[in-house]
Amino acid sequence: MHVLVIGANGTTGSMVVEKLAKSEQHLVKAMIRKTEQAPKMEELGARPIIADLESEFDYALEDVNAVIFAAGSGPDTGADKTTAVDEEGAKKAVDYAKEKGIERFIMLSSVGADDPSVASENETFHHYLQAKHNADEHLKQSGLDYTIIRPVGLEDEPAKGKITASKSLANKKGTITREDVATVLVESLLINGLKNMSIEIENSDESDIVPALEKL
């Protein structure tokens, strides 16, 4: 597939770009905000394209047939930026994908996005989950072939390569490495059984990543 990665310069996004570029099954275009980020994307093996989620960026989706949305405003940017990037930016990406007949849309979301009220005592986190929830619901109603990936808490540790994947994890307080999340995002592109599903993932000793996803 020819895949656009939105949020390509982020930690997880960069891992997604690298994994796609190393795959013989995919070509990758990396959406970045700044021209100085382009050499990094080229070094990873992607074709960079300069675009901003907070502006019009429909041109970024030309000549691709799949999108991985891995963008996020980060925890310290404030509610307005969270709304602009995690909700409105994601919704625009979905709308553009629908306009252009994109075949697959993979959304990186978060555990808790199905029910933001779980974070009602933490205003910042509640707002973040609500933004993710609204973007996820917009994708579900779009008619696109989608998969929504909801990881538990993220770690910057080396990949463990084993996960539990479920429509709803029994324990939502686990952790998962960013690299394993990146692998899940990439592998989800070609697993037909994941179409039109929302799944939660965590590191465990249960299963290698691809078998864990294929059994859903």
Protein backbone atom coordinates (compact mmCIF):
# COMPACT_ATOMS: atom_id res chain seq x y z
CA MET A 1 0.00 0.00 0.00
CA HIS A 2 1.01 3.61 -0.43
CA VAL A 3 0.60 5.00 3.09
CA LEU A 4 0.47 8.55 4.44
CA VAL A 5 1.65 8.84 8.03
CA ILE A 6 0.16 11.89 9.76
CA GLY A 7 2.23 12.89 12.78
CA ALA A 8 5.33 11.38 11.20
CA ASN A 9 7.82 13.42 13.23
CA GLY A 10 6.45 12.28 16.60
CA THR A 11 8.14 9.50 18.52
CA THR A 12 5.63 6.82 17.58
CA GLY A 13 5.04 8.30 14.12
CA SER A 14 8.73 8.12 13.27
CA MET A 15 8.78 4.45 14.24
CA VAL A 16 5.77 3.85 12.00
CA VAL A 17 7.51 5.58 9.10
CA GLU A 18 10.65 3.51 9.55
CA LYS A 19 8.74 0.21 9.75
CA LEU A 20 6.73 1.03 6.63
CA ALA A 21 9.84 2.05 4.71
CA LYS A 22 11.57 -1.22 5.58
CA SER A 23 8.57 -3.25 4.44
CA GLU A 24 8.46 -4.59 0.90
CA GLN A 25 4.67 -4.23 0.95
CA HIS A 26 4.43 -0.48 1.43
CA LEU A 27 5.55 2.91 0.17
CA VAL A 28 5.40 5.71 2.71
CA LYS A 29 4.76 9.43 2.61
CA ALA A 30 5.49 11.32 5.82
CA MET A 31 3.42 14.38 6.73
CA ILE A 32 5.48 16.90 8.70
CA ARG A 33 5.03 20.53 9.70
CA LYS A 34 8.53 21.91 9.18
CA THR A 35 10.96 21.73 6.27
CA GLU A 36 13.85 21.07 8.65
CA GLN A 37 12.21 17.75 9.55
CA ALA A 38 12.38 16.53 5.94
CA PRO A 39 15.96 15.14 5.99
CA LYS A 40 15.06 12.87 8.92
CA MET A 41 12.08 11.46 7.01
CA GLU A 42 14.18 10.93 3.89
CA GLU A 43 16.80 9.14 5.95
CA LEU A 44 14.10 6.84 7.32
CA GLY A 45 13.06 6.03 3.75
CA ALA A 46 9.93 8.17 3.36
CA ARG A 47 8.87 10.91 0.98
CA PRO A 48 8.22 13.96 3.17
CA ILE A 49 5.34 16.33 2.56
CA ILE A 50 4.94 19.63 4.40
CA ALA A 51 1.43 20.15 5.78
CA ASP A 52 -0.24 21.39 8.94
CA LEU A 53 -3.20 19.74 10.66
CA GLU A 54 -4.43 23.16 11.71
CA SER A 55 -4.65 24.34 8.08
CA GLU A 56 -5.93 22.75 4.87
CA PHE A 57 -3.91 19.65 3.98
CA ASP A 58 -6.03 17.68 1.52
CA TYR A 59 -3.13 17.68 -0.97
CA ALA A 60 -1.15 15.47 1.42
CA LEU A 61 -3.56 12.60 0.71
CA GLU A 62 -2.94 12.60 -3.04
CA ASP A 63 -1.53 9.36 -4.45
CA VAL A 64 -2.02 7.28 -1.30
CA ASN A 65 -4.51 4.51 -0.55
CA ALA A 66 -4.08 4.29 3.23
CA VAL A 67 -3.62 6.67 6.15
CA ILE A 68 -2.13 6.11 9.58
CA PHE A 69 -3.07 8.96 11.92
CA ALA A 70 -0.44 9.05 14.67
CA ALA A 71 -0.53 12.76 15.50
CA GLY A 72 -1.05 14.13 18.98
CA SER A 73 -0.78 17.52 20.61
CA GLY A 74 1.09 16.22 23.65
CA PRO A 75 0.15 16.58 27.32
CA ASP A 76 1.51 20.09 27.90
CA THR A 77 0.03 22.12 25.04
CA GLY A 78 -3.33 23.07 26.52
CA ALA A 79 -6.94 22.31 25.70
CA ASP A 80 -7.13 24.46 22.57
CA LYS A 81 -4.23 22.64 20.91
CA THR A 82 -5.66 19.27 21.92
CA THR A 83 -8.94 20.16 20.24
CA ALA A 84 -7.20 21.54 17.16
CA VAL A 85 -4.93 18.53 16.61
CA ASP A 86 -6.41 15.44 18.25
CA GLU A 87 -10.03 16.20 17.33
CA GLU A 88 -10.39 18.71 14.51
CA GLY A 89 -7.18 17.68 12.72
CA ALA A 90 -8.19 14.05 12.88
CA LYS A 91 -11.71 14.81 11.64
CA LYS A 92 -10.32 16.73 8.67
CA ALA A 93 -8.02 13.82 7.84
CA VAL A 94 -11.04 11.48 7.86
CA ASP A 95 -13.05 13.83 5.64
CA TYR A 96 -10.20 14.20 3.14
CA ALA A 97 -9.71 10.42 3.10
CA LYS A 98 -13.38 9.92 2.30
CA GLU A 99 -13.26 12.53 -0.47
CA LYS A 100 -10.25 10.81 -2.06
CA GLY A 101 -11.51 7.24 -1.78
CA ILE A 102 -8.82 6.07 0.67
CA GLU A 103 -8.98 2.30 1.23
CA ARG A 104 -7.79 2.05 4.85
CA PHE A 105 -7.62 4.46 7.79
CA ILE A 106 -5.76 3.48 10.95
CA MET A 107 -6.34 5.79 13.92
CA LEU A 108 -4.06 5.90 16.95
CA SER A 109 -6.36 6.67 19.86
CA SER A 110 -6.17 5.86 23.57
CA VAL A 111 -7.66 3.51 26.12
CA GLY A 112 -10.48 5.47 27.72
CA ALA A 113 -11.58 7.17 24.51
CA ASP A 114 -14.68 4.97 24.40
CA ASP A 115 -15.82 6.50 27.72
CA PRO A 116 -14.08 9.80 28.59
CA SER A 117 -16.00 9.99 31.86
CA VAL A 118 -13.45 7.59 33.36
CA ALA A 119 -11.17 10.64 33.66
CA SER A 120 -13.80 13.05 34.95
CA GLU A 121 -11.68 13.94 37.98
CA ASN A 122 -8.75 15.04 35.79
CA GLU A 123 -9.91 17.92 33.61
CA THR A 124 -6.91 17.87 31.25
CA PHE A 125 -7.01 14.13 30.66
CA HIS A 126 -10.79 14.16 30.35
CA HIS A 127 -10.55 16.81 27.64
CA TYR A 128 -7.91 14.73 25.83
CA LEU A 129 -10.05 11.58 25.94
CA GLN A 130 -13.11 13.53 24.81
CA ALA A 131 -11.19 14.86 21.81
CA LYS A 132 -10.04 11.34 20.94
CA HIS A 133 -13.57 10.03 21.43
CA ASN A 134 -15.06 12.63 19.10
CA ALA A 135 -12.46 11.90 16.42
CA ASP A 136 -12.99 8.14 16.74
CA GLU A 137 -16.76 8.50 16.42
CA HIS A 138 -16.33 10.69 13.35
CA LEU A 139 -14.19 7.97 11.76
CA LYS A 140 -16.69 5.24 12.64
CA GLN A 141 -19.48 7.16 10.92
CA SER A 142 -17.43 8.02 7.83
CA GLY A 143 -17.95 4.84 5.85
CA LEU A 144 -14.19 4.29 5.56
CA ASP A 145 -12.59 0.93 6.29
CA TYR A 146 -11.07 1.84 9.65
CA THR A 147 -9.22 0.35 12.58
CA ILE A 148 -8.94 2.30 15.84
CA ILE A 149 -5.97 1.34 18.01
CA ARG A 150 -6.25 2.21 21.71
CA PRO A 151 -3.07 1.54 23.69
CA VAL A 152 -2.72 1.68 27.45
CA GLY A 153 0.05 3.83 28.98
CA LEU A 154 3.00 4.32 26.64
CA GLU A 155 6.61 3.49 27.50
CA ASP A 156 9.84 4.46 25.77
CA GLU A 157 11.37 1.04 26.39
CA PRO A 158 12.67 -1.39 23.74
CA ALA A 159 9.97 -3.36 21.97
CA LYS A 160 8.79 -6.47 23.76
CA GLY A 161 7.07 -7.99 20.75
CA LYS A 162 4.25 -9.60 22.72
CA ILE A 163 0.84 -8.14 23.44
CA THR A 164 -2.70 -8.75 24.51
CA ALA A 165 -5.24 -7.33 22.06
CA SER A 166 -8.92 -7.14 22.88
CA LYS A 167 -12.04 -5.16 22.07
CA SER A 168 -11.96 -4.27 25.76
CA LEU A 169 -9.03 -5.06 28.05
CA ALA A 170 -9.87 -6.34 31.51
CA ASN A 171 -7.01 -4.28 32.96
CA LYS A 172 -6.62 -0.83 31.45
CA LYS A 173 -3.77 0.24 33.72
CA GLY A 174 -1.00 -1.70 31.95
CA THR A 175 1.71 -0.35 29.68
CA ILE A 176 2.98 -0.87 26.15
CA THR A 177 6.11 0.30 24.36
CA ARG A 178 5.78 2.89 21.64
CA GLU A 179 7.61 0.60 19.25
CA ASP A 180 5.09 -2.18 19.79
CA VAL A 181 2.29 0.32 19.18
CA ALA A 182 4.01 1.32 15.93
CA THR A 183 4.18 -2.33 14.89
CA VAL A 184 0.47 -2.77 15.61
CA LEU A 185 -0.39 0.29 13.52
CA VAL A 186 1.61 -1.02 10.55
CA GLU A 187 0.42 -4.62 10.78
CA SER A 188 -3.20 -3.49 11.04
CA LEU A 189 -3.09 -2.19 7.47
CA LEU A 190 -3.20 -5.66 5.95
CA ILE A 191 -5.26 -7.68 8.46
CA ASN A 192 -8.75 -7.74 6.97
CA GLY A 193 -10.28 -9.07 10.19
CA LEU A 194 -9.54 -5.76 11.89
CA LYS A 195 -11.64 -3.69 9.53
CA ASN A 196 -14.21 -1.52 11.29
CA MET A 197 -12.97 -2.47 14.75
CA SER A 198 -11.70 -0.61 17.81
CA ILE A 199 -9.11 -2.58 19.76
CA GLU A 200 -7.22 -2.06 22.99
CA ILE A 201 -3.63 -3.25 23.34
CA GLU A 202 -1.10 -3.80 26.12
CA ASN A 203 2.21 -5.59 26.51
CA SER A 204 1.96 -9.07 27.98
CA ASP A 205 3.46 -12.51 27.51
CA GLU A 206 0.29 -13.75 25.82
CA SER A 207 1.10 -13.66 22.11
CA ASP A 208 3.31 -12.29 19.36
CA ILE A 209 1.81 -9.21 17.79
CA VAL A 210 0.50 -10.50 14.47
CA PRO A 211 -1.19 -13.65 15.89
CA ALA A 212 -2.74 -11.51 18.65
CA LEU A 213 -4.26 -9.23 16.02
CA GLU A 214 -5.31 -12.00 13.66
CA LYS A 215 -7.36 -13.82 16.27
CA LEU A 216 -9.65 -10.86 16.94
